[in-house]
Amino acid sequence: MGFHYTIAIIGGGATGVCLANKIVEALPIGLSTASVSIVLFDARGCNGGTAYAPDVPSNLMNTTCGAVDRAFGGEFGILAWARANPAKWQPYTEASELRAGTYLPRPVVGLYLADLIEHARRKAAARGMQLETITDEVVGVSPPNLAVDDYVLRTKSGESFTARYVYLALGHLTRQKTEDYQRHERYYHDPYPIARLTREIPKESTVGVIGTRLSAIDVVLGLVAGGHRGKIHCVSRAGRLPAVRGDQGRYEFMHLERDKLAKQLVHAKAKLRLADVAAMLGTEIALAEGRPIALDDIKREYVPAVDYYEREIALAKGKARPWQTVLYATNRNIDLLWHHLEEDDKQILMSEWLNDWLTYRASIPSENAERVLALLKTGQVAVTGGVTGFEFDAQSDTFKANFGEGCCHGFQYLVAATGSASRIEDADSPLMRDLLASGLVVPHRFGGVDCVFETGQVVSRPGVANGESRMFALGPLTSGAYFFTTALEIVERQAAQRTRDLAFMLGDEWLELPETDAWVDAQQGETAGADRVETVHHEEGPDLLERAVLGDQVARIDFEQLHLLNDQIDRAGKL
């Protein structure tokens, strides 16, 4: 077994690339982090994952270029990348330059992420680290045991790798096929890439789309842009299209900013109730709007799709929607509110309010809404709610969407655009099946894998691994623990926290090495009476553990509370 790494990241989409780049960029360099090696696995290569893979340009982000830049930014932000590489992205858009307010085609973000990982590889070499990418699918992981102290990763090609730390950054997991109609050749279980649909679905055929939110919008606009002329019928239980985004500014909370909120929640004795959260958001929305605003002013009674989008576009085009800005600002604290919410209220939120949350929180740009509205008015596209199930009728050779009381719609082709599997038990993933079977992961009751809120440390079945788990998760896979985890700003925050925790875990292991005691004694002897603030690695970024040793502060470090200690150290590495 000749392949050994310090850190293995499984998943080369936005989440995995963000984490790899963050480790390379922000991990303090010093004795405790010397010779760190990182490997990033992805079955299709690190080109942005399913969400940002090469595809049709009509697949627009539902967030701005500036938000992408803030999330990944740093030394290699997307705005600077765009200025330096116009030939790469201009074929996907009519814009001559990318601005902070631009809504990017998703494939452009994929091109950027592919270059970002190459930047991280060069940066790693300059900092004494090693970063490799491997185009292969990890299908199994064996836990550490008395004989092997590291995780053993097995790939589809038959290779084996060992790693001290494993990070699950799998992104969105496809659902397993469970119905007979899903095995028909004219059924598409995953809408991406949309380019495949435009190639394979005849232009005059009738198409059913299961879903009415973001992925469904991608399907509709992609098919039509590819020349589709037949009827497209989007169906779902609620029949609600996404809200339309207004001009977005950055809202600064008056009462809900993260640091202040965290202190309030930690000191509170009682759990939050949904009414408490609604009141908090209501106060912030009133401050943003300059007036009190009722929930009914945002969530109105159901109206036909044409009327709904005419109103949404009128409210959003060229205007700010302050309530929307507040909802987007919850990226900074939604995990805290969710974590401290009563269990019964979590269940109510998931069962009764999740659809409304996604409708109004996951909105689309006005330009895409206008295209959809035009198609609704011509009748080429229809949106219907109340669907109860689907089947394939061999006699008529069509798929049928049933709506109860004998009502149904028929389609020649059927595309599922319902999003990913929130329950890992339902995922079509060899790796997830292996991890569940071995007990290295357990499901969270509200979706994804169960993990420790403070650190993202994956919870295993008792007795599965030798010692404490060194497997972590981030991104969509952690939705049960953090509720809303798809926004790039949230992914970046998780990656930054995982990197800070990793620095201390590496330092903890370094302190336990047999030769460390002698080194500590020698260093403290040499620096007696000297200024102990500077370190020999200052120009590369301070090594936190080395600073602690030189400052004779080792006894103050409680490595069982790594996360709490991290919060006391600023990003510049000053103690």
Protein backbone atom coordinates (compact mmCIF):
# COMPACT_ATOMS: atom_id res chain seq x y z
CA MET A 1 0.00 0.00 0.00
CA GLY A 2 2.21 2.78 -1.30
CA PHE A 3 -0.15 5.76 -1.28
CA HIS A 4 -0.27 7.63 2.03
CA TYR A 5 -1.59 11.13 2.70
CA THR A 6 -2.17 13.28 5.75
CA ILE A 7 -5.54 14.49 4.49
CA ALA A 8 -7.99 12.89 2.08
CA ILE A 9 -10.85 14.99 0.68
CA ILE A 10 -13.56 12.96 -1.04
CA GLY A 11 -15.38 15.11 -3.57
CA GLY A 12 -13.95 17.58 -6.09
CA GLY A 13 -16.92 19.91 -6.48
CA ALA A 14 -17.22 23.38 -5.00
CA THR A 15 -17.11 22.08 -1.41
CA GLY A 16 -14.02 19.91 -1.84
CA VAL A 17 -12.12 22.51 -3.86
CA CYS A 18 -12.98 25.19 -1.29
CA LEU A 19 -11.65 23.04 1.56
CA ALA A 20 -8.45 22.04 -0.27
CA ASN A 21 -7.72 25.66 -1.18
CA LYS A 22 -8.51 26.86 2.35
CA ILE A 23 -6.13 24.31 3.91
CA VAL A 24 -3.34 25.30 1.52
CA GLU A 25 -3.98 29.01 1.95
CA ALA A 26 -4.69 29.25 5.68
CA LEU A 27 -3.10 26.30 7.49
CA PRO A 28 -0.29 27.76 9.63
CA ILE A 29 3.12 26.58 8.49
CA GLY A 30 5.56 25.34 11.09
CA LEU A 31 6.89 22.24 12.82
CA SER A 32 3.49 20.80 13.66
CA THR A 33 2.21 21.16 10.09
CA ALA A 34 5.38 20.37 8.14
CA SER A 35 5.13 18.10 5.10
CA VAL A 36 1.34 18.01 5.01
CA SER A 37 0.06 16.02 2.04
CA ILE A 38 -3.47 16.37 0.66
CA VAL A 39 -5.30 14.24 -1.90
CA LEU A 40 -8.57 15.24 -3.53
CA PHE A 41 -10.68 12.47 -5.09
CA ASP A 42 -13.40 12.94 -7.69
CA ALA A 43 -14.74 10.41 -10.18
CA ARG A 44 -15.07 13.05 -12.94
CA GLY A 45 -12.13 15.25 -12.09
CA CYS A 46 -12.16 18.56 -10.27
CA ASN A 47 -14.27 20.57 -12.72
CA GLY A 48 -16.90 21.89 -10.33
CA GLY A 49 -18.95 18.78 -9.68
CA THR A 50 -22.46 18.28 -11.03
CA ALA A 51 -23.59 21.81 -10.16
CA TYR A 52 -20.84 23.58 -12.11
CA ALA A 53 -19.79 21.02 -14.74
CA PRO A 54 -19.57 21.98 -18.42
CA ASP A 55 -23.14 22.52 -19.64
CA VAL A 56 -25.47 24.94 -21.41
CA PRO A 57 -25.01 28.66 -20.64
CA SER A 58 -28.68 29.11 -19.66
CA ASN A 59 -27.94 27.48 -16.28
CA LEU A 60 -27.50 30.71 -14.30
CA MET A 61 -26.32 30.91 -10.73
CA ASN A 62 -28.97 32.17 -8.33
CA THR A 63 -26.30 34.23 -6.59
CA THR A 64 -24.09 37.00 -7.90
CA CYS A 65 -20.49 36.97 -9.05
CA GLY A 66 -19.61 39.13 -6.07
CA ALA A 67 -20.98 36.50 -3.68
CA VAL A 68 -18.85 33.83 -5.36
CA ASP A 69 -15.84 36.12 -5.07
CA ARG A 70 -16.46 36.71 -1.36
CA ALA A 71 -16.84 32.99 -0.71
CA PHE A 72 -13.73 31.80 -2.54
CA GLY A 73 -11.90 35.12 -2.94
CA GLY A 74 -8.57 35.28 -1.18
CA GLU A 75 -5.56 35.30 -3.47
CA PHE A 76 -7.46 33.83 -6.41
CA GLY A 77 -10.94 35.37 -6.55
CA ILE A 78 -13.24 34.86 -9.50
CA LEU A 79 -13.33 38.55 -10.47
CA ALA A 80 -9.53 38.70 -10.79
CA TRP A 81 -9.58 35.33 -12.57
CA ALA A 82 -12.17 36.64 -15.05
CA ARG A 83 -10.06 39.70 -15.88
CA ALA A 84 -7.04 37.48 -16.53
CA ASN A 85 -8.90 34.78 -18.51
CA PRO A 86 -11.61 36.37 -20.69
CA ALA A 87 -11.27 33.71 -23.41
CA LYS A 88 -12.35 31.00 -20.97
CA TRP A 89 -15.68 32.47 -19.87
CA GLN A 90 -16.81 34.84 -22.64
CA PRO A 91 -18.18 32.03 -24.86
CA TYR A 92 -20.80 31.43 -22.13
CA THR A 93 -22.12 34.97 -21.86
CA GLU A 94 -22.65 38.11 -23.91
CA ALA A 95 -21.00 40.25 -21.22
CA SER A 96 -17.63 41.80 -22.02
CA GLU A 97 -16.60 41.75 -18.36
CA LEU A 98 -17.79 40.16 -15.16
CA ARG A 99 -19.01 42.51 -12.46
CA ALA A 100 -19.91 41.88 -8.84
CA GLY A 101 -23.62 42.01 -9.69
CA THR A 102 -23.43 39.59 -12.64
CA TYR A 103 -25.35 36.32 -12.47
CA LEU A 104 -22.90 33.79 -13.86
CA PRO A 105 -23.67 30.73 -15.94
CA ARG A 106 -22.85 27.74 -13.74
CA PRO A 107 -20.27 26.27 -16.17
CA VAL A 108 -18.18 29.44 -15.77
CA VAL A 109 -17.91 28.76 -12.04
CA GLY A 110 -16.75 25.25 -12.92
CA LEU A 111 -13.99 26.64 -15.15
CA TYR A 112 -12.91 28.92 -12.30
CA LEU A 113 -12.89 26.08 -9.77
CA ALA A 114 -10.72 23.96 -12.06
CA ASP A 115 -8.17 26.79 -12.20
CA LEU A 116 -8.51 27.42 -8.47
CA ILE A 117 -7.40 23.89 -7.63
CA GLU A 118 -4.39 24.31 -9.92
CA HIS A 119 -3.57 27.55 -8.12
CA ALA A 120 -3.86 25.71 -4.80
CA ARG A 121 -1.52 22.98 -6.07
CA ARG A 122 1.17 25.56 -6.91
CA LYS A 123 0.62 27.38 -3.63
CA ALA A 124 0.95 24.10 -1.71
CA ALA A 125 4.33 23.38 -3.27
CA ALA A 126 5.52 26.88 -2.37
CA ARG A 127 4.48 26.33 1.26
CA GLY A 128 6.13 22.93 1.62
CA MET A 129 2.90 20.95 1.23
CA GLN A 130 1.75 18.48 -1.37
CA LEU A 131 -1.66 18.61 -3.09
CA GLU A 132 -2.69 15.92 -5.56
CA THR A 133 -5.95 15.30 -7.41
CA ILE A 134 -7.01 11.80 -8.39
CA THR A 135 -9.72 11.14 -10.96
CA ASP A 136 -11.26 8.06 -9.41
CA GLU A 137 -14.31 7.23 -7.30
CA VAL A 138 -13.85 6.33 -3.64
CA VAL A 139 -16.24 3.42 -3.04
CA GLY A 140 -15.23 2.36 0.46
CA VAL A 141 -13.39 3.44 3.61
CA SER A 142 -12.08 1.17 6.34
CA PRO A 143 -11.72 2.63 9.84
CA PRO A 144 -8.49 2.77 11.82
CA ASN A 145 -7.85 -0.29 13.97
CA LEU A 146 -5.11 -1.70 16.17
CA ALA A 147 -3.14 -2.87 13.12
CA VAL A 148 -3.69 0.18 10.86
CA ASP A 149 -3.78 3.60 12.52
CA ASP A 150 -5.05 5.42 9.43
CA TYR A 151 -8.19 5.22 7.33
CA VAL A 152 -7.92 3.03 4.24
CA LEU A 153 -9.69 4.38 1.17
CA ARG A 154 -10.61 2.03 -1.69
CA THR A 155 -11.38 3.30 -5.17
CA LYS A 156 -13.43 1.94 -8.05
CA SER A 157 -10.26 1.23 -10.04
CA GLY A 158 -8.97 -1.04 -7.25
CA GLU A 159 -6.38 1.29 -5.74
CA SER A 160 -5.96 1.73 -1.97
CA PHE A 161 -4.84 4.81 -0.09
CA THR A 162 -4.28 5.61 3.57
CA ALA A 163 -4.98 8.96 5.22
CA ARG A 164 -4.81 10.29 8.74
CA TYR A 165 -7.81 12.60 8.30
CA VAL A 166 -10.77 12.12 5.95
CA TYR A 167 -13.15 14.88 4.85
CA LEU A 168 -16.45 14.03 3.17
CA ALA A 169 -17.27 16.78 0.66
CA LEU A 170 -19.63 14.79 -1.55
CA GLY A 171 -22.00 17.61 -2.49
CA HIS A 172 -25.52 16.64 -3.55
CA LEU A 173 -26.22 12.92 -3.69
CA THR A 174 -28.51 11.46 -6.37
CA ARG A 175 -31.54 9.51 -5.16
CA GLN A 176 -31.82 5.79 -5.83
CA LYS A 177 -34.39 4.65 -8.39
CA THR A 178 -37.27 3.02 -6.55
CA GLU A 179 -40.16 3.05 -9.08
CA ASP A 180 -40.71 0.98 -12.22
CA TYR A 181 -41.22 4.04 -14.46
CA GLN A 182 -37.75 5.29 -13.47
CA ARG A 183 -36.14 2.44 -15.42
CA HIS A 184 -37.65 3.44 -18.76
CA GLU A 185 -35.19 4.66 -21.40
CA ARG A 186 -37.12 7.92 -21.90
CA TYR A 187 -36.89 8.80 -18.21
CA TYR A 188 -34.02 10.99 -16.92
CA HIS A 189 -33.31 10.49 -13.24
CA ASP A 190 -30.81 13.38 -13.13
CA PRO A 191 -31.42 16.49 -15.27
CA TYR A 192 -27.74 17.37 -15.50
CA PRO A 193 -26.05 17.95 -17.78
CA ILE A 194 -28.90 19.80 -19.49
CA ALA A 195 -26.90 19.53 -22.72
CA ARG A 196 -27.64 15.79 -22.72
CA LEU A 197 -31.38 16.50 -22.63
CA THR A 198 -31.12 18.90 -25.56
CA ARG A 199 -29.26 16.27 -27.60
CA GLU A 200 -31.46 13.27 -26.83
CA ILE A 201 -35.03 14.58 -26.42
CA PRO A 202 -36.78 15.19 -29.79
CA LYS A 203 -37.64 18.85 -30.32
CA GLU A 204 -41.36 18.26 -30.93
CA SER A 205 -41.97 15.85 -28.03
CA THR A 206 -43.99 16.58 -24.89
CA VAL A 207 -41.82 16.66 -21.77
CA GLY A 208 -42.84 16.31 -18.16
CA VAL A 209 -40.58 17.82 -15.50
CA ILE A 210 -40.93 16.59 -11.93
CA GLY A 211 -40.34 19.71 -9.82
CA THR A 212 -40.95 23.44 -10.11
CA ARG A 213 -37.92 24.98 -8.42
CA LEU A 214 -34.33 25.79 -9.47
CA SER A 215 -33.47 22.56 -11.31
CA ALA A 216 -36.79 22.64 -13.15
CA ILE A 217 -36.05 26.19 -14.32
CA ASP A 218 -32.69 24.95 -15.64
CA VAL A 219 -34.43 22.16 -17.57
CA VAL A 220 -37.06 24.43 -19.12
CA LEU A 221 -34.69 27.19 -20.20
CA GLY A 222 -32.02 24.74 -21.36
CA LEU A 223 -34.41 22.76 -23.55
CA VAL A 224 -35.93 25.87 -25.11
CA ALA A 225 -32.51 27.44 -25.72
CA GLY A 226 -31.57 24.19 -27.44
CA GLY A 227 -34.48 24.54 -29.87
CA HIS A 228 -37.19 22.51 -28.14
CA ARG A 229 -40.64 23.31 -29.57
CA GLY A 230 -42.88 20.80 -27.82
CA LYS A 231 -44.90 21.36 -24.66
CA ILE A 232 -43.06 21.28 -21.31
CA HIS A 233 -45.17 20.62 -18.25
CA CYS A 234 -43.63 21.18 -14.77
CA VAL A 235 -45.49 19.40 -11.97
CA SER A 236 -44.99 19.19 -8.22
CA ARG A 237 -47.03 18.81 -5.04
CA ALA A 238 -47.14 22.54 -4.28
CA GLY A 239 -46.82 23.88 -7.84
CA ARG A 240 -44.82 26.89 -6.61
CA LEU A 241 -42.15 28.53 -8.74
CA PRO A 242 -39.10 30.14 -7.07
CA ALA A 243 -39.31 33.76 -6.00
CA VAL A 244 -37.50 36.37 -8.10
CA ARG A 245 -34.42 38.11 -6.74
CA GLY A 246 -34.36 41.85 -6.36
CA ASP A 247 -31.20 43.95 -6.38
CA GLN A 248 -29.20 42.51 -3.53
CA GLY A 249 -27.21 44.48 -1.02
CA ARG A 250 -25.49 43.13 2.07
CA TYR A 251 -27.66 43.45 5.15
CA GLU A 252 -25.99 43.91 8.53
CA PHE A 253 -28.12 42.50 11.32
CA MET A 254 -29.01 44.77 14.20
CA HIS A 255 -29.72 41.94 16.65
CA LEU A 256 -28.86 38.70 14.89
CA GLU A 257 -25.20 39.12 13.90
CA ARG A 258 -23.30 35.89 14.48
CA ASP A 259 -21.01 36.78 17.39
CA LYS A 260 -23.76 38.50 19.37
CA LEU A 261 -26.27 35.76 18.61
CA ALA A 262 -23.84 33.00 19.60
CA LYS A 263 -23.26 34.60 23.00
CA GLN A 264 -26.99 35.01 23.59
CA LEU A 265 -27.77 31.42 22.65
CA VAL A 266 -24.93 29.89 24.66
CA HIS A 267 -26.04 31.71 27.79
CA ALA A 268 -29.75 31.03 27.25
CA LYS A 269 -31.15 28.25 29.38
CA ALA A 270 -34.16 27.44 27.18
CA LYS A 271 -34.22 26.24 23.60
CA LEU A 272 -35.55 28.53 20.87
CA ARG A 273 -39.09 28.11 19.60
CA LEU A 274 -40.21 28.79 16.04
CA ALA A 275 -42.14 31.80 17.31
CA ASP A 276 -38.88 33.20 18.73
CA VAL A 277 -37.08 32.81 15.40
CA ALA A 278 -40.01 34.32 13.49
CA ALA A 279 -40.02 37.29 15.87
CA MET A 280 -36.26 37.80 15.45
CA LEU A 281 -36.51 37.73 11.65
CA GLY A 282 -39.62 39.90 11.74
CA THR A 283 -37.75 42.57 13.70
CA GLU A 284 -34.82 42.54 11.27
CA ILE A 285 -37.13 42.65 8.22
CA ALA A 286 -39.01 45.61 9.71
CA LEU A 287 -35.70 47.41 10.20
CA ALA A 288 -34.63 46.61 6.63
CA GLU A 289 -37.99 47.60 5.11
CA GLY A 290 -38.37 50.70 7.28
CA ARG A 291 -41.80 49.46 8.35
CA PRO A 292 -43.40 46.38 9.89
CA ILE A 293 -44.21 43.75 7.30
CA ALA A 294 -46.53 40.79 7.76
CA LEU A 295 -45.76 37.28 6.59
CA ASP A 296 -48.75 37.48 4.22
CA ASP A 297 -47.04 40.41 2.46
CA ILE A 298 -44.24 38.01 1.50
CA LYS A 299 -46.01 34.67 1.27
CA ARG A 300 -49.24 35.42 -0.56
CA GLU A 301 -52.08 33.11 -1.47
CA TYR A 302 -51.49 30.83 -4.43
CA VAL A 303 -52.14 32.45 -7.81
CA PRO A 304 -51.62 31.03 -11.32
CA ALA A 305 -47.99 30.95 -12.48
CA VAL A 306 -48.40 33.79 -15.01
CA ASP A 307 -49.92 36.14 -12.42
CA TYR A 308 -47.32 35.10 -9.85
CA TYR A 309 -44.33 35.86 -12.09
CA GLU A 310 -45.80 39.09 -13.45
CA ARG A 311 -46.06 40.32 -9.88
CA GLU A 312 -42.67 38.91 -8.80
CA ILE A 313 -40.84 40.50 -11.73
CA ALA A 314 -42.53 43.86 -11.13
CA LEU A 315 -41.52 43.74 -7.46
CA ALA A 316 -37.93 42.68 -8.16
CA LYS A 317 -36.72 44.24 -11.40
CA GLY A 318 -34.29 47.05 -10.68
CA LYS A 319 -35.46 47.24 -7.08
CA ALA A 320 -34.31 46.10 -3.68
CA ARG A 321 -36.42 43.60 -1.76
CA PRO A 322 -35.27 44.21 1.81
CA TRP A 323 -36.99 41.12 3.27
CA GLN A 324 -35.13 39.03 0.74
CA THR A 325 -31.82 40.61 1.71
CA VAL A 326 -32.50 39.65 5.33
CA LEU A 327 -33.23 36.04 4.36
CA TYR A 328 -29.98 35.83 2.41
CA ALA A 329 -28.12 37.34 5.35
CA THR A 330 -29.21 34.37 7.47
CA ASN A 331 -26.39 32.48 5.73
CA ARG A 332 -24.27 33.91 8.53
CA ASN A 333 -26.30 32.42 11.38
CA ILE A 334 -28.91 29.93 10.15
CA ASP A 335 -26.90 27.05 11.63
CA LEU A 336 -26.97 28.61 15.10
CA LEU A 337 -30.71 29.23 14.98
CA TRP A 338 -31.33 25.67 13.81
CA HIS A 339 -29.00 24.11 16.38
CA HIS A 340 -30.73 25.85 19.29
CA LEU A 341 -34.27 25.21 18.04
CA GLU A 342 -36.53 22.85 20.01
CA GLU A 343 -36.69 19.36 18.51
CA ASP A 344 -40.46 19.50 18.07
CA ASP A 345 -40.14 22.81 16.25
CA LYS A 346 -37.43 21.41 14.00
CA GLN A 347 -39.87 18.71 12.96
CA ILE A 348 -42.58 21.28 12.28
CA LEU A 349 -40.19 23.39 10.23
CA MET A 350 -39.11 20.41 8.11
CA SER A 351 -42.63 19.07 7.55
CA GLU A 352 -44.70 22.25 7.19
CA TRP A 353 -42.42 25.15 6.31
CA LEU A 354 -39.47 23.77 4.35
CA ASN A 355 -41.14 24.16 0.95
CA ASP A 356 -41.95 27.82 1.64
CA TRP A 357 -38.42 28.44 2.90
CA LEU A 358 -36.90 27.03 -0.30
CA THR A 359 -39.38 28.92 -2.50
CA TYR A 360 -38.51 32.32 -1.06
CA ARG A 361 -34.90 31.73 0.01
CA ALA A 362 -33.72 30.05 -3.23
CA SER A 363 -34.82 32.69 -5.75
CA ILE A 364 -33.85 33.20 -9.40
CA PRO A 365 -32.56 36.25 -11.35
CA SER A 366 -35.12 38.48 -13.07
CA GLU A 367 -33.72 37.68 -16.52
CA ASN A 368 -34.53 33.99 -16.10
CA ALA A 369 -37.94 34.76 -14.61
CA GLU A 370 -38.76 36.90 -17.65
CA ARG A 371 -37.87 34.04 -19.98
CA VAL A 372 -40.06 31.64 -18.01
CA LEU A 373 -42.94 34.14 -17.98
CA ALA A 374 -42.76 34.51 -21.76
CA LEU A 375 -42.96 30.71 -22.15
CA LEU A 376 -45.88 30.52 -19.74
CA LYS A 377 -47.76 33.15 -21.74
CA THR A 378 -47.26 31.33 -25.06
CA GLY A 379 -48.45 28.10 -23.47
CA GLN A 380 -45.29 26.16 -24.30
CA VAL A 381 -44.64 25.79 -20.57
CA ALA A 382 -47.23 24.97 -17.91
CA VAL A 383 -46.91 24.65 -14.14
CA THR A 384 -49.29 22.48 -12.12
CA GLY A 385 -49.46 21.54 -8.46
CA GLY A 386 -51.20 18.69 -6.68
CA VAL A 387 -49.41 15.77 -8.31
CA THR A 388 -49.79 12.52 -6.40
CA GLY A 389 -47.61 10.12 -8.38
CA PHE A 390 -46.19 8.97 -11.71
CA GLU A 391 -46.36 5.85 -13.84
CA PHE A 392 -45.57 4.61 -17.33
CA ASP A 393 -48.59 3.51 -19.35
CA ALA A 394 -47.47 0.88 -21.87
CA GLN A 395 -50.75 1.01 -23.76
CA SER A 396 -50.41 4.69 -24.66
CA ASP A 397 -46.58 4.56 -24.54
CA THR A 398 -46.50 7.66 -22.32
CA PHE A 399 -45.61 8.65 -18.78
CA LYS A 400 -48.52 9.84 -16.69
CA ALA A 401 -48.60 12.32 -13.84
CA ASN A 402 -51.62 11.62 -11.63
CA PHE A 403 -53.50 14.36 -9.78
CA GLY A 404 -56.31 12.40 -8.13
CA GLU A 405 -59.98 11.92 -9.10
CA GLY A 406 -58.91 10.38 -12.40
CA CYS A 407 -57.07 13.50 -13.59
CA CYS A 408 -53.68 13.03 -15.26
CA HIS A 409 -51.25 14.50 -17.78
CA GLY A 410 -49.29 12.46 -20.30
CA PHE A 411 -45.72 12.99 -21.54
CA GLN A 412 -43.46 11.27 -24.01
CA TYR A 413 -40.36 12.07 -21.92
CA LEU A 414 -40.02 12.58 -18.18
CA VAL A 415 -37.21 14.44 -16.35
CA ALA A 416 -36.76 14.40 -12.57
CA ALA A 417 -35.71 17.82 -11.27
CA THR A 418 -36.47 17.31 -7.59
CA GLY A 419 -33.04 17.91 -6.12
CA SER A 420 -30.78 15.56 -4.23
CA ALA A 421 -31.37 12.85 -1.66
CA SER A 422 -31.59 14.50 1.74
CA ARG A 423 -31.57 11.10 3.51
CA ILE A 424 -28.28 9.30 2.98
CA GLU A 425 -30.15 5.98 3.18
CA ASP A 426 -31.88 6.96 -0.10
CA ALA A 427 -28.69 7.99 -1.93
CA ASP A 428 -27.41 6.15 -5.00
CA SER A 429 -23.83 6.18 -3.71
CA PRO A 430 -21.58 3.11 -3.32
CA LEU A 431 -19.46 5.04 -0.82
CA MET A 432 -22.44 6.02 1.32
CA ARG A 433 -23.74 2.45 1.32
CA ASP A 434 -20.30 1.26 2.45
CA LEU A 435 -20.02 3.88 5.20
CA LEU A 436 -23.51 3.10 6.49
CA ALA A 437 -22.88 -0.65 6.45
CA SER A 438 -19.60 -0.32 8.34
CA GLY A 439 -21.03 2.14 10.84
CA LEU A 440 -18.45 4.82 10.06
CA VAL A 441 -21.39 7.18 9.51
CA VAL A 442 -24.91 7.17 10.90
CA PRO A 443 -27.86 9.10 9.45
CA HIS A 444 -28.99 12.34 11.01
CA ARG A 445 -32.72 12.32 11.76
CA PHE A 446 -33.20 15.46 9.62
CA GLY A 447 -31.01 14.36 6.71
CA GLY A 448 -27.34 13.93 5.81
CA VAL A 449 -24.81 12.38 8.16
CA ASP A 450 -24.86 12.90 11.90
CA CYS A 451 -21.94 15.04 13.01
CA VAL A 452 -20.78 17.15 15.94
CA PHE A 453 -22.18 20.65 15.52
CA GLU A 454 -19.06 22.47 16.72
CA THR A 455 -16.54 20.64 14.52
CA GLY A 456 -18.32 18.69 11.78
CA GLN A 457 -16.77 15.50 13.19
CA VAL A 458 -18.73 12.56 11.80
CA VAL A 459 -20.52 10.45 14.40
CA SER A 460 -19.85 6.71 14.04
CA ARG A 461 -21.51 3.72 15.65
CA PRO A 462 -19.88 3.03 19.04
CA GLY A 463 -16.88 0.74 18.81
CA VAL A 464 -16.41 1.02 15.03
CA ALA A 465 -13.13 2.93 15.01
CA ASN A 466 -10.04 2.64 17.19
CA GLY A 467 -9.98 5.92 19.09
CA GLU A 468 -11.74 9.17 18.29
CA SER A 469 -13.13 9.71 14.82
CA ARG A 470 -10.89 11.67 12.42
CA MET A 471 -13.55 11.79 9.71
CA PHE A 472 -15.33 15.09 9.09
CA ALA A 473 -18.08 16.33 6.78
CA LEU A 474 -19.04 19.64 5.25
CA GLY A 475 -21.40 21.04 2.64
CA PRO A 476 -24.80 19.57 1.70
CA LEU A 477 -23.98 16.32 3.48
CA THR A 478 -24.33 18.15 6.82
CA SER A 479 -27.86 19.50 6.26
CA GLY A 480 -29.30 17.67 9.28
CA ALA A 481 -26.84 19.28 11.67
CA TYR A 482 -26.82 22.76 10.08
CA PHE A 483 -30.16 22.90 8.16
CA PHE A 484 -29.20 25.05 5.14
CA THR A 485 -25.76 24.23 3.76
CA THR A 486 -25.76 24.86 0.01
CA ALA A 487 -24.82 28.56 -0.11
CA LEU A 488 -21.16 29.14 -1.02
CA GLU A 489 -20.77 31.55 1.91
CA ILE A 490 -21.77 28.73 4.27
CA VAL A 491 -19.44 26.25 2.57
CA GLU A 492 -16.56 28.73 2.95
CA ARG A 493 -17.28 29.22 6.65
CA GLN A 494 -17.32 25.48 7.24
CA ALA A 495 -14.05 25.06 5.31
CA ALA A 496 -12.39 27.83 7.32
CA GLN A 497 -13.48 26.24 10.60
CA ARG A 498 -12.33 22.77 9.54
CA THR A 499 -8.94 24.25 8.65
CA ARG A 500 -8.56 25.97 12.03
CA ASP A 501 -9.49 22.75 13.83
CA LEU A 502 -7.08 20.77 11.65
CA ALA A 503 -4.20 23.04 12.69
CA PHE A 504 -4.77 22.17 16.33
CA MET A 505 -5.27 18.47 15.71
CA LEU A 506 -1.97 18.32 13.82
CA GLY A 507 -0.32 20.24 16.64
CA ASP A 508 -1.80 17.89 19.22
CA GLU A 509 -0.31 14.89 17.41
CA TRP A 510 3.04 16.67 17.06
CA LEU A 511 3.19 17.27 20.81
CA GLU A 512 2.77 13.54 21.43
CA LEU A 513 5.76 12.50 19.31
CA PRO A 514 8.63 10.95 21.35
CA GLU A 515 11.19 13.43 20.06
CA THR A 516 9.03 16.48 20.84
CA ASP A 517 9.89 16.76 24.54
CA ALA A 518 13.58 17.11 23.75
CA TRP A 519 12.85 19.70 21.07
CA VAL A 520 10.64 21.70 23.47
CA ASP A 521 13.32 21.69 26.16
CA ALA A 522 15.97 22.81 23.68
CA GLN A 523 13.87 25.57 22.18
CA GLN A 524 12.74 26.97 25.51
CA GLY A 525 16.30 26.92 26.74
CA GLU A 526 17.57 28.81 23.69
CA THR A 527 14.87 31.44 23.92
CA ALA A 528 15.12 32.13 27.65
CA GLY A 529 15.12 35.85 28.19
CA ALA A 530 14.54 36.56 24.48
CA ASP A 531 11.54 38.05 22.73
CA ARG A 532 9.28 35.02 22.31
CA VAL A 533 6.68 36.54 20.02
CA GLU A 534 8.52 36.11 16.71
CA THR A 535 9.08 32.66 15.20
CA VAL A 536 11.47 31.40 12.58
CA HIS A 537 8.51 30.76 10.29
CA HIS A 538 6.91 34.19 10.63
CA GLU A 539 7.23 35.03 6.93
CA GLU A 540 5.28 31.88 6.00
CA GLY A 541 2.54 32.40 8.57
CA PRO A 542 2.84 31.62 12.29
CA ASP A 543 2.64 28.04 13.50
CA LEU A 544 0.27 28.31 16.45
CA LEU A 545 1.67 25.36 18.36
CA GLU A 546 5.24 26.53 17.86
CA ARG A 547 4.30 29.95 19.23
CA ALA A 548 2.71 28.31 22.24
CA VAL A 549 5.82 26.23 22.92
CA LEU A 550 8.19 29.16 22.57
CA GLY A 551 5.92 31.20 24.81
CA ASP A 552 5.85 28.41 27.43
CA GLN A 553 2.06 28.15 27.13
CA VAL A 554 1.72 24.41 26.44
CA ALA A 555 0.13 23.72 29.81
CA ARG A 556 -2.69 26.10 28.98
CA ILE A 557 -3.82 24.14 25.92
CA ASP A 558 -6.74 21.77 26.40
CA PHE A 559 -6.88 19.79 23.18
CA GLU A 560 -10.19 18.25 24.15
CA GLN A 561 -11.75 21.66 23.52
CA LEU A 562 -10.08 22.52 20.21
CA HIS A 563 -13.03 24.42 18.85
CA LEU A 564 -13.37 26.64 21.92
CA LEU A 565 -9.65 27.41 21.82
CA ASN A 566 -9.84 28.23 18.12
CA ASP A 567 -12.45 30.87 18.80
CA GLN A 568 -9.93 32.70 21.00
CA ILE A 569 -7.35 33.02 18.23
CA ASP A 570 -7.84 35.46 15.40
CA ARG A 571 -7.28 34.63 11.75
CA ALA A 572 -3.91 36.39 11.78
CA GLY A 573 -2.62 33.74 14.14
CA LYS A 574 -1.94 36.05 17.09
CA LEU A 575 -2.33 34.61 20.56
